[in-house]
Amino acid sequence: MSDDHISAESTVSGTQANIPARIRRELEIDDGDHLRWQIEDDGCIRIQVIQQQTGTFAEFDGYDGETATNVTAEHGAWGVDIE
């Protein structure tokens, strides 16, 4: 994010408001990202962008190595045939 102060405004339509394009570009907000809203004590709104993880391993938590595995016996469980 640049050090320059960026300001923009949008109009509320019904119960929705658009995020101005220059704000979306600066914060790299994309389809599927989440916005977390918080009202501060002074009435200001703080919005945190939660970037959506994408790709093949987006949901993969990883393997911590604490459980023994047997690749020969478990290989088929992953949809790979063993000959």
PDB file of N, CA and C in Angstrom:
ATOM      1  N   MET A   1       0.850  -1.174   0.000  1.00  0.00           N
ATOM      2  CA  MET A   1       0.000   0.000   0.000  1.00  0.00           C
ATOM      3  C   MET A   1       0.892   1.232   0.000  1.00  0.00           C
ATOM      4  N   SER A   2       0.501   2.219  -0.757  1.00  0.00           N
ATOM      5  CA  SER A   2       1.309   3.426  -0.849  1.00  0.00           C
ATOM      6  C   SER A   2       1.148   4.279   0.404  1.00  0.00           C
ATOM      7  N   ASP A   3       2.063   5.220   0.576  1.00  0.00           N
ATOM      8  CA  ASP A   3       2.009   6.118   1.731  1.00  0.00           C
ATOM      9  C   ASP A   3       1.057   7.283   1.501  1.00  0.00           C
ATOM     10  N   ASP A   4       0.616   7.468   0.250  1.00  0.00           N
ATOM     11  CA  ASP A   4      -0.289   8.567  -0.063  1.00  0.00           C
ATOM     12  C   ASP A   4      -1.664   8.314   0.534  1.00  0.00           C
ATOM     13  N   HIS A   5      -2.288   9.379   1.017  1.00  0.00           N
ATOM     14  CA  HIS A   5      -3.639   9.278   1.560  1.00  0.00           C
ATOM     15  C   HIS A   5      -4.605   9.142   0.394  1.00  0.00           C
ATOM     16  N   ILE A   6      -5.415   8.104   0.415  1.00  0.00           N
ATOM     17  CA  ILE A   6      -6.390   7.887  -0.650  1.00  0.00           C
ATOM     18  C   ILE A   6      -7.766   8.058  -0.051  1.00  0.00           C
ATOM     19  N   SER A   7      -8.564   8.910  -0.680  1.00  0.00           N
ATOM     20  CA  SER A   7      -9.938   9.040  -0.224  1.00  0.00           C
ATOM     21  C   SER A   7     -10.851   8.932  -1.439  1.00  0.00           C
ATOM     22  N   ALA A   8     -11.996   8.391  -1.222  1.00  0.00           N
ATOM     23  CA  ALA A   8     -13.007   8.242  -2.264  1.00  0.00           C
ATOM     24  C   ALA A   8     -14.334   8.093  -1.555  1.00  0.00           C
ATOM     25  N   GLU A   9     -15.400   8.243  -2.295  1.00  0.00           N
ATOM     26  CA  GLU A   9     -16.716   8.070  -1.690  1.00  0.00           C
ATOM     27  C   GLU A   9     -17.615   7.310  -2.638  1.00  0.00           C
ATOM     28  N   SER A  10     -18.661   6.709  -2.067  1.00  0.00           N
ATOM     29  CA  SER A  10     -19.651   5.993  -2.864  1.00  0.00           C
ATOM     30  C   SER A  10     -21.015   6.257  -2.272  1.00  0.00           C
ATOM     31  N   THR A  11     -22.037   5.898  -3.014  1.00  0.00           N
ATOM     32  CA  THR A  11     -23.412   6.111  -2.590  1.00  0.00           C
ATOM     33  C   THR A  11     -24.037   4.788  -2.183  1.00  0.00           C
ATOM     34  N   VAL A  12     -24.802   4.808  -1.104  1.00  0.00           N
ATOM     35  CA  VAL A  12     -25.517   3.617  -0.657  1.00  0.00           C
ATOM     36  C   VAL A  12     -26.775   3.477  -1.501  1.00  0.00           C
ATOM     37  N   SER A  13     -27.010   2.242  -1.965  1.00  0.00           N
ATOM     38  CA  SER A  13     -28.207   1.942  -2.743  1.00  0.00           C
ATOM     39  C   SER A  13     -28.940   0.808  -2.049  1.00  0.00           C
ATOM     40  N   GLY A  14     -30.067   1.112  -1.440  1.00  0.00           N
ATOM     41  CA  GLY A  14     -30.777   0.103  -0.650  1.00  0.00           C
ATOM     42  C   GLY A  14     -29.945  -0.222   0.579  1.00  0.00           C
ATOM     43  N   THR A  15     -29.482  -1.459   0.677  1.00  0.00           N
ATOM     44  CA  THR A  15     -28.639  -1.862   1.816  1.00  0.00           C
ATOM     45  C   THR A  15     -27.212  -2.153   1.381  1.00  0.00           C
ATOM     46  N   GLN A  16     -26.833  -1.717   0.170  1.00  0.00           N
ATOM     47  CA  GLN A  16     -25.492  -2.014  -0.340  1.00  0.00           C
ATOM     48  C   GLN A  16     -24.749  -0.740  -0.696  1.00  0.00           C
ATOM     49  N   ALA A  17     -23.441  -0.807  -0.552  1.00  0.00           N
ATOM     50  CA  ALA A  17     -22.572   0.289  -0.973  1.00  0.00           C
ATOM     51  C   ALA A  17     -21.431  -0.298  -1.793  1.00  0.00           C
ATOM     52  N   ASN A  18     -21.054   0.384  -2.849  1.00  0.00           N
ATOM     53  CA  ASN A  18     -19.924  -0.050  -3.665  1.00  0.00           C
ATOM     54  C   ASN A  18     -18.629   0.427  -3.060  1.00  0.00           C
ATOM     55  N   ILE A  19     -17.576  -0.356  -3.235  1.00  0.00           N
ATOM     56  CA  ILE A  19     -16.240   0.056  -2.834  1.00  0.00           C
ATOM     57  C   ILE A  19     -15.618   0.741  -4.045  1.00  0.00           C
ATOM     58  N   PRO A  20     -15.217   1.996  -3.914  1.00  0.00           N
ATOM     59  CA  PRO A  20     -14.646   2.701  -5.056  1.00  0.00           C
ATOM     60  C   PRO A  20     -13.460   1.941  -5.660  1.00  0.00           C
ATOM     61  N   ALA A  21     -13.346   1.997  -6.987  1.00  0.00           N
ATOM     62  CA  ALA A  21     -12.323   1.241  -7.713  1.00  0.00           C
ATOM     63  C   ALA A  21     -10.915   1.553  -7.221  1.00  0.00           C
ATOM     64  N   ARG A  22     -10.619   2.798  -6.946  1.00  0.00           N
ATOM     65  CA  ARG A  22      -9.244   3.130  -6.515  1.00  0.00           C
ATOM     66  C   ARG A  22      -8.918   2.529  -5.147  1.00  0.00           C
ATOM     67  N   ILE A  23      -9.925   2.379  -4.282  1.00  0.00           N
ATOM     68  CA  ILE A  23      -9.728   1.728  -2.986  1.00  0.00           C
ATOM     69  C   ILE A  23      -9.524   0.222  -3.200  1.00  0.00           C
ATOM     70  N   ARG A  24     -10.369  -0.380  -4.061  1.00  0.00           N
ATOM     71  CA  ARG A  24     -10.230  -1.820  -4.356  1.00  0.00           C
ATOM     72  C   ARG A  24      -8.850  -2.129  -4.924  1.00  0.00           C
ATOM     73  N   ARG A  25      -8.396  -1.293  -5.847  1.00  0.00           N
ATOM     74  CA  ARG A  25      -7.066  -1.517  -6.448  1.00  0.00           C
ATOM     75  C   ARG A  25      -5.954  -1.376  -5.405  1.00  0.00           C
ATOM     76  N   GLU A  26      -6.011  -0.351  -4.596  1.00  0.00           N
ATOM     77  CA  GLU A  26      -4.956  -0.089  -3.604  1.00  0.00           C
ATOM     78  C   GLU A  26      -4.872  -1.213  -2.578  1.00  0.00           C
ATOM     79  N   LEU A  27      -6.036  -1.732  -2.155  1.00  0.00           N
ATOM     80  CA  LEU A  27      -6.066  -2.788  -1.140  1.00  0.00           C
ATOM     81  C   LEU A  27      -6.104  -4.179  -1.750  1.00  0.00           C
ATOM     82  N   GLU A  28      -6.083  -4.250  -3.092  1.00  0.00           N
ATOM     83  CA  GLU A  28      -6.104  -5.515  -3.823  1.00  0.00           C
ATOM     84  C   GLU A  28      -7.302  -6.379  -3.407  1.00  0.00           C
ATOM     85  N   ILE A  29      -8.465  -5.740  -3.305  1.00  0.00           N
ATOM     86  CA  ILE A  29      -9.698  -6.445  -2.977  1.00  0.00           C
ATOM     87  C   ILE A  29     -10.222  -7.097  -4.250  1.00  0.00           C
ATOM     88  N   ASP A  30     -10.552  -8.381  -4.164  1.00  0.00           N
ATOM     89  CA  ASP A  30     -10.989  -9.129  -5.339  1.00  0.00           C
ATOM     90  C   ASP A  30     -12.254  -9.914  -5.010  1.00  0.00           C
ATOM     91  N   ASP A  31     -12.890 -10.474  -6.037  1.00  0.00           N
ATOM     92  CA  ASP A  31     -14.072 -11.303  -5.837  1.00  0.00           C
ATOM     93  C   ASP A  31     -13.772 -12.400  -4.817  1.00  0.00           C
ATOM     94  N   GLY A  32     -14.703 -12.634  -3.907  1.00  0.00           N
ATOM     95  CA  GLY A  32     -14.540 -13.689  -2.915  1.00  0.00           C
ATOM     96  C   GLY A  32     -13.863 -13.240  -1.634  1.00  0.00           C
ATOM     97  N   ASP A  33     -13.215 -12.069  -1.636  1.00  0.00           N
ATOM     98  CA  ASP A  33     -12.595 -11.566  -0.408  1.00  0.00           C
ATOM     99  C   ASP A  33     -13.695 -11.191   0.582  1.00  0.00           C
ATOM    100  N   HIS A  34     -13.368 -11.191   1.851  1.00  0.00           N
ATOM    101  CA  HIS A  34     -14.327 -10.840   2.904  1.00  0.00           C
ATOM    102  C   HIS A  34     -13.917  -9.506   3.513  1.00  0.00           C
ATOM    103  N   LEU A  35     -14.906  -8.773   3.995  1.00  0.00           N
ATOM    104  CA  LEU A  35     -14.658  -7.523   4.715  1.00  0.00           C
ATOM    105  C   LEU A  35     -15.152  -7.698   6.141  1.00  0.00           C
ATOM    106  N   ARG A  36     -14.294  -7.409   7.104  1.00  0.00           N
ATOM    107  CA  ARG A  36     -14.661  -7.490   8.526  1.00  0.00           C
ATOM    108  C   ARG A  36     -14.867  -6.056   9.018  1.00  0.00           C
ATOM    109  N   TRP A  37     -16.054  -5.766   9.519  1.00  0.00           N
ATOM    110  CA  TRP A  37     -16.447  -4.422   9.929  1.00  0.00           C
ATOM    111  C   TRP A  37     -16.428  -4.299  11.452  1.00  0.00           C
ATOM    112  N   GLN A  38     -15.914  -3.168  11.934  1.00  0.00           N
ATOM    113  CA  GLN A  38     -15.891  -2.915  13.376  1.00  0.00           C
ATOM    114  C   GLN A  38     -16.168  -1.427  13.610  1.00  0.00           C
ATOM    115  N   ILE A  39     -17.107  -1.150  14.505  1.00  0.00           N
ATOM    116  CA  ILE A  39     -17.394   0.235  14.871  1.00  0.00           C
ATOM    117  C   ILE A  39     -16.549   0.582  16.084  1.00  0.00           C
ATOM    118  N   GLU A  40     -15.730   1.609  15.960  1.00  0.00           N
ATOM    119  CA  GLU A  40     -14.861   2.058  17.047  1.00  0.00           C
ATOM    120  C   GLU A  40     -15.659   2.913  18.042  1.00  0.00           C
ATOM    121  N   ASP A  41     -15.098   3.119  19.227  1.00  0.00           N
ATOM    122  CA  ASP A  41     -15.768   3.899  20.276  1.00  0.00           C
ATOM    123  C   ASP A  41     -16.092   5.319  19.831  1.00  0.00           C
ATOM    124  N   ASP A  42     -15.256   5.885  18.933  1.00  0.00           N
ATOM    125  CA  ASP A  42     -15.477   7.257  18.485  1.00  0.00           C
ATOM    126  C   ASP A  42     -16.426   7.340  17.287  1.00  0.00           C
ATOM    127  N   GLY A  43     -17.030   6.198  16.899  1.00  0.00           N
ATOM    128  CA  GLY A  43     -17.987   6.182  15.804  1.00  0.00           C
ATOM    129  C   GLY A  43     -17.373   5.916  14.441  1.00  0.00           C
ATOM    130  N   CYS A  44     -16.060   5.859  14.366  1.00  0.00           N
ATOM    131  CA  CYS A  44     -15.402   5.537  13.098  1.00  0.00           C
ATOM    132  C   CYS A  44     -15.562   4.045  12.798  1.00  0.00           C
ATOM    133  N   ILE A  45     -15.531   3.715  11.528  1.00  0.00           N
ATOM    134  CA  ILE A  45     -15.643   2.321  11.116  1.00  0.00           C
ATOM    135  C   ILE A  45     -14.281   1.826  10.670  1.00  0.00           C
ATOM    136  N   ARG A  46     -13.883   0.683  11.185  1.00  0.00           N
ATOM    137  CA  ARG A  46     -12.637   0.037  10.769  1.00  0.00           C
ATOM    138  C   ARG A  46     -13.032  -1.173   9.925  1.00  0.00           C
ATOM    139  N   ILE A  47     -12.450  -1.295   8.745  1.00  0.00           N
ATOM    140  CA  ILE A  47     -12.750  -2.403   7.841  1.00  0.00           C
ATOM    141  C   ILE A  47     -11.455  -3.152   7.557  1.00  0.00           C
ATOM    142  N   GLN A  48     -11.473  -4.441   7.816  1.00  0.00           N
ATOM    143  CA  GLN A  48     -10.303  -5.277   7.539  1.00  0.00           C
ATOM    144  C   GLN A  48     -10.619  -6.164   6.343  1.00  0.00           C
ATOM    145  N   VAL A  49      -9.706  -6.203   5.368  1.00  0.00           N
ATOM    146  CA  VAL A  49      -9.877  -7.045   4.191  1.00  0.00           C
ATOM    147  C   VAL A  49      -9.292  -8.417   4.496  1.00  0.00           C
ATOM    148  N   ILE A  50     -10.108  -9.451   4.331  1.00  0.00           N
ATOM    149  CA  ILE A  50      -9.662 -10.830   4.508  1.00  0.00           C
ATOM    150  C   ILE A  50      -9.557 -11.417   3.105  1.00  0.00           C
ATOM    151  N   GLN A  51      -8.317 -11.562   2.625  1.00  0.00           N
ATOM    152  CA  GLN A  51      -8.092 -12.055   1.267  1.00  0.00           C
ATOM    153  C   GLN A  51      -8.481 -13.524   1.186  1.00  0.00           C
ATOM    154  N   GLN A  52      -9.255 -13.865   0.165  1.00  0.00           N
ATOM    155  CA  GLN A  52      -9.675 -15.240  -0.062  1.00  0.00           C
ATOM    156  C   GLN A  52      -8.500 -16.025  -0.615  1.00  0.00           C
ATOM    157  N   GLN A  53      -8.220 -17.165   0.001  1.00  0.00           N
ATOM    158  CA  GLN A  53      -7.171 -18.036  -0.506  1.00  0.00           C
ATOM    159  C   GLN A  53      -7.739 -18.817  -1.677  1.00  0.00           C
ATOM    160  N   THR A  54      -6.958 -18.916  -2.742  1.00  0.00           N
ATOM    161  CA  THR A  54      -7.408 -19.644  -3.923  1.00  0.00           C
ATOM    162  C   THR A  54      -6.351 -20.635  -4.352  1.00  0.00           C
ATOM    163  N   GLY A  55      -6.738 -21.524  -5.207  1.00  0.00           N
ATOM    164  CA  GLY A  55      -5.792 -22.482  -5.763  1.00  0.00           C
ATOM    165  C   GLY A  55      -6.003 -23.875  -5.213  1.00  0.00           C
ATOM    166  N   THR A  56      -5.222 -24.781  -5.709  1.00  0.00           N
ATOM    167  CA  THR A  56      -5.352 -26.197  -5.393  1.00  0.00           C
ATOM    168  C   THR A  56      -5.237 -26.486  -3.903  1.00  0.00           C
ATOM    169  N   PHE A  57      -4.321 -25.828  -3.210  1.00  0.00           N
ATOM    170  CA  PHE A  57      -4.062 -26.141  -1.810  1.00  0.00           C
ATOM    171  C   PHE A  57      -4.648 -25.102  -0.848  1.00  0.00           C
ATOM    172  N   ALA A  58      -5.611 -24.319  -1.281  1.00  0.00           N
ATOM    173  CA  ALA A  58      -6.170 -23.263  -0.444  1.00  0.00           C
ATOM    174  C   ALA A  58      -6.791 -23.802   0.840  1.00  0.00           C
ATOM    175  N   GLU A  59      -7.410 -24.976   0.787  1.00  0.00           N
ATOM    176  CA  GLU A  59      -8.074 -25.550   1.954  1.00  0.00           C
ATOM    177  C   GLU A  59      -7.175 -26.515   2.722  1.00  0.00           C
ATOM    178  N   PHE A  60      -5.963 -26.732   2.259  1.00  0.00           N
ATOM    179  CA  PHE A  60      -5.075 -27.731   2.845  1.00  0.00           C
ATOM    180  C   PHE A  60      -4.388 -27.176   4.091  1.00  0.00           C
ATOM    181  N   ASP A  61      -4.581 -27.858   5.222  1.00  0.00           N
ATOM    182  CA  ASP A  61      -3.986 -27.407   6.480  1.00  0.00           C
ATOM    183  C   ASP A  61      -2.560 -27.890   6.668  1.00  0.00           C
ATOM    184  N   GLY A  62      -2.162 -28.869   5.881  1.00  0.00           N
ATOM    185  CA  GLY A  62      -0.803 -29.384   6.013  1.00  0.00           C
ATOM    186  C   GLY A  62      -0.755 -30.624   6.879  1.00  0.00           C
ATOM    187  N   TYR A  63       0.394 -31.211   6.938  1.00  0.00           N
ATOM    188  CA  TYR A  63       0.629 -32.427   7.724  1.00  0.00           C
ATOM    189  C   TYR A  63       1.698 -32.111   8.749  1.00  0.00           C
ATOM    190  N   ASP A  64       1.388 -32.310  10.009  1.00  0.00           N
ATOM    191  CA  ASP A  64       2.337 -31.923  11.056  1.00  0.00           C
ATOM    192  C   ASP A  64       3.389 -32.985  11.355  1.00  0.00           C
ATOM    193  N   GLY A  65       3.247 -34.177  10.761  1.00  0.00           N
ATOM    194  CA  GLY A  65       4.271 -35.200  10.903  1.00  0.00           C
ATOM    195  C   GLY A  65       4.190 -36.023  12.171  1.00  0.00           C
ATOM    196  N   GLU A  66       3.170 -35.826  12.986  1.00  0.00           N
ATOM    197  CA  GLU A  66       3.099 -36.546  14.255  1.00  0.00           C
ATOM    198  C   GLU A  66       2.498 -37.943  14.119  1.00  0.00           C
ATOM    199  N   THR A  67       1.756 -38.203  13.059  1.00  0.00           N
ATOM    200  CA  THR A  67       1.120 -39.493  12.866  1.00  0.00           C
ATOM    201  C   THR A  67       1.870 -40.271  11.794  1.00  0.00           C
ATOM    202  N   ALA A  68       2.179 -41.547  12.087  1.00  0.00           N
ATOM    203  CA  ALA A  68       2.867 -42.375  11.099  1.00  0.00           C
ATOM    204  C   ALA A  68       1.937 -42.647   9.927  1.00  0.00           C
ATOM    205  N   THR A  69       2.498 -42.678   8.732  1.00  0.00           N
ATOM    206  CA  THR A  69       1.718 -42.977   7.534  1.00  0.00           C
ATOM    207  C   THR A  69       2.341 -44.161   6.813  1.00  0.00           C
ATOM    208  N   ASN A  70       1.530 -44.813   6.005  1.00  0.00           N
ATOM    209  CA  ASN A  70       1.991 -45.928   5.189  1.00  0.00           C
ATOM    210  C   ASN A  70       1.552 -45.616   3.764  1.00  0.00           C
ATOM    211  N   VAL A  71       2.469 -45.110   2.961  1.00  0.00           N
ATOM    212  CA  VAL A  71       2.121 -44.651   1.627  1.00  0.00           C
ATOM    213  C   VAL A  71       1.559 -45.769   0.758  1.00  0.00           C
ATOM    214  N   THR A  72       2.036 -46.977   0.920  1.00  0.00           N
ATOM    215  CA  THR A  72       1.536 -48.086   0.105  1.00  0.00           C
ATOM    216  C   THR A  72       0.081 -48.392   0.442  1.00  0.00           C
ATOM    217  N   ALA A  73      -0.246 -48.462   1.718  1.00  0.00           N
ATOM    218  CA  ALA A  73      -1.606 -48.788   2.145  1.00  0.00           C
ATOM    219  C   ALA A  73      -2.575 -47.620   1.943  1.00  0.00           C
ATOM    220  N   GLU A  74      -2.111 -46.410   2.099  1.00  0.00           N
ATOM    221  CA  GLU A  74      -2.997 -45.252   2.067  1.00  0.00           C
ATOM    222  C   GLU A  74      -3.040 -44.549   0.720  1.00  0.00           C
ATOM    223  N   HIS A  75      -2.197 -44.937  -0.199  1.00  0.00           N
ATOM    224  CA  HIS A  75      -2.114 -44.263  -1.494  1.00  0.00           C
ATOM    225  C   HIS A  75      -3.453 -44.273  -2.213  1.00  0.00           C
ATOM    226  N   GLY A  76      -4.152 -45.415  -2.186  1.00  0.00           N
ATOM    227  CA  GLY A  76      -5.439 -45.543  -2.835  1.00  0.00           C
ATOM    228  C   GLY A  76      -6.495 -44.617  -2.254  1.00  0.00           C
ATOM    229  N   ALA A  77      -6.355 -44.238  -0.995  1.00  0.00           N
ATOM    230  CA  ALA A  77      -7.314 -43.352  -0.340  1.00  0.00           C
ATOM    231  C   ALA A  77      -7.298 -41.966  -0.980  1.00  0.00           C
ATOM    232  N   TRP A  78      -6.226 -41.634  -1.653  1.00  0.00           N
ATOM    233  CA  TRP A  78      -6.094 -40.324  -2.288  1.00  0.00           C
ATOM    234  C   TRP A  78      -6.503 -40.363  -3.763  1.00  0.00           C
ATOM    235  N   GLY A  79      -7.085 -41.486  -4.202  1.00  0.00           N
ATOM    236  CA  GLY A  79      -7.569 -41.582  -5.559  1.00  0.00           C
ATOM    237  C   GLY A  79      -6.519 -41.963  -6.584  1.00  0.00           C
ATOM    238  N   VAL A  80      -5.406 -42.531  -6.145  1.00  0.00           N
ATOM    239  CA  VAL A  80      -4.355 -42.952  -7.052  1.00  0.00           C
ATOM    240  C   VAL A  80      -4.276 -44.464  -7.009  1.00  0.00           C
ATOM    241  N   ASP A  81      -4.378 -45.092  -8.142  1.00  0.00           N
ATOM    242  CA  ASP A  81      -4.308 -46.550  -8.198  1.00  0.00           C
ATOM    243  C   ASP A  81      -2.864 -47.018  -8.124  1.00  0.00           C
ATOM    244  N   ILE A  82      -2.630 -48.078  -7.367  1.00  0.00           N
ATOM    245  CA  ILE A  82      -1.314 -48.702  -7.246  1.00  0.00           C
ATOM    246  C   ILE A  82      -1.339 -50.016  -7.998  1.00  0.00           C
ATOM    247  N   GLU A  83      -0.345 -50.237  -8.796  1.00  0.00           N
ATOM    248  CA  GLU A  83      -0.293 -51.505  -9.534  1.00  0.00           C
ATOM    249  C   GLU A  83       0.587 -52.496  -8.858  1.00  0.00           C
TER     250      GLU A  83
END
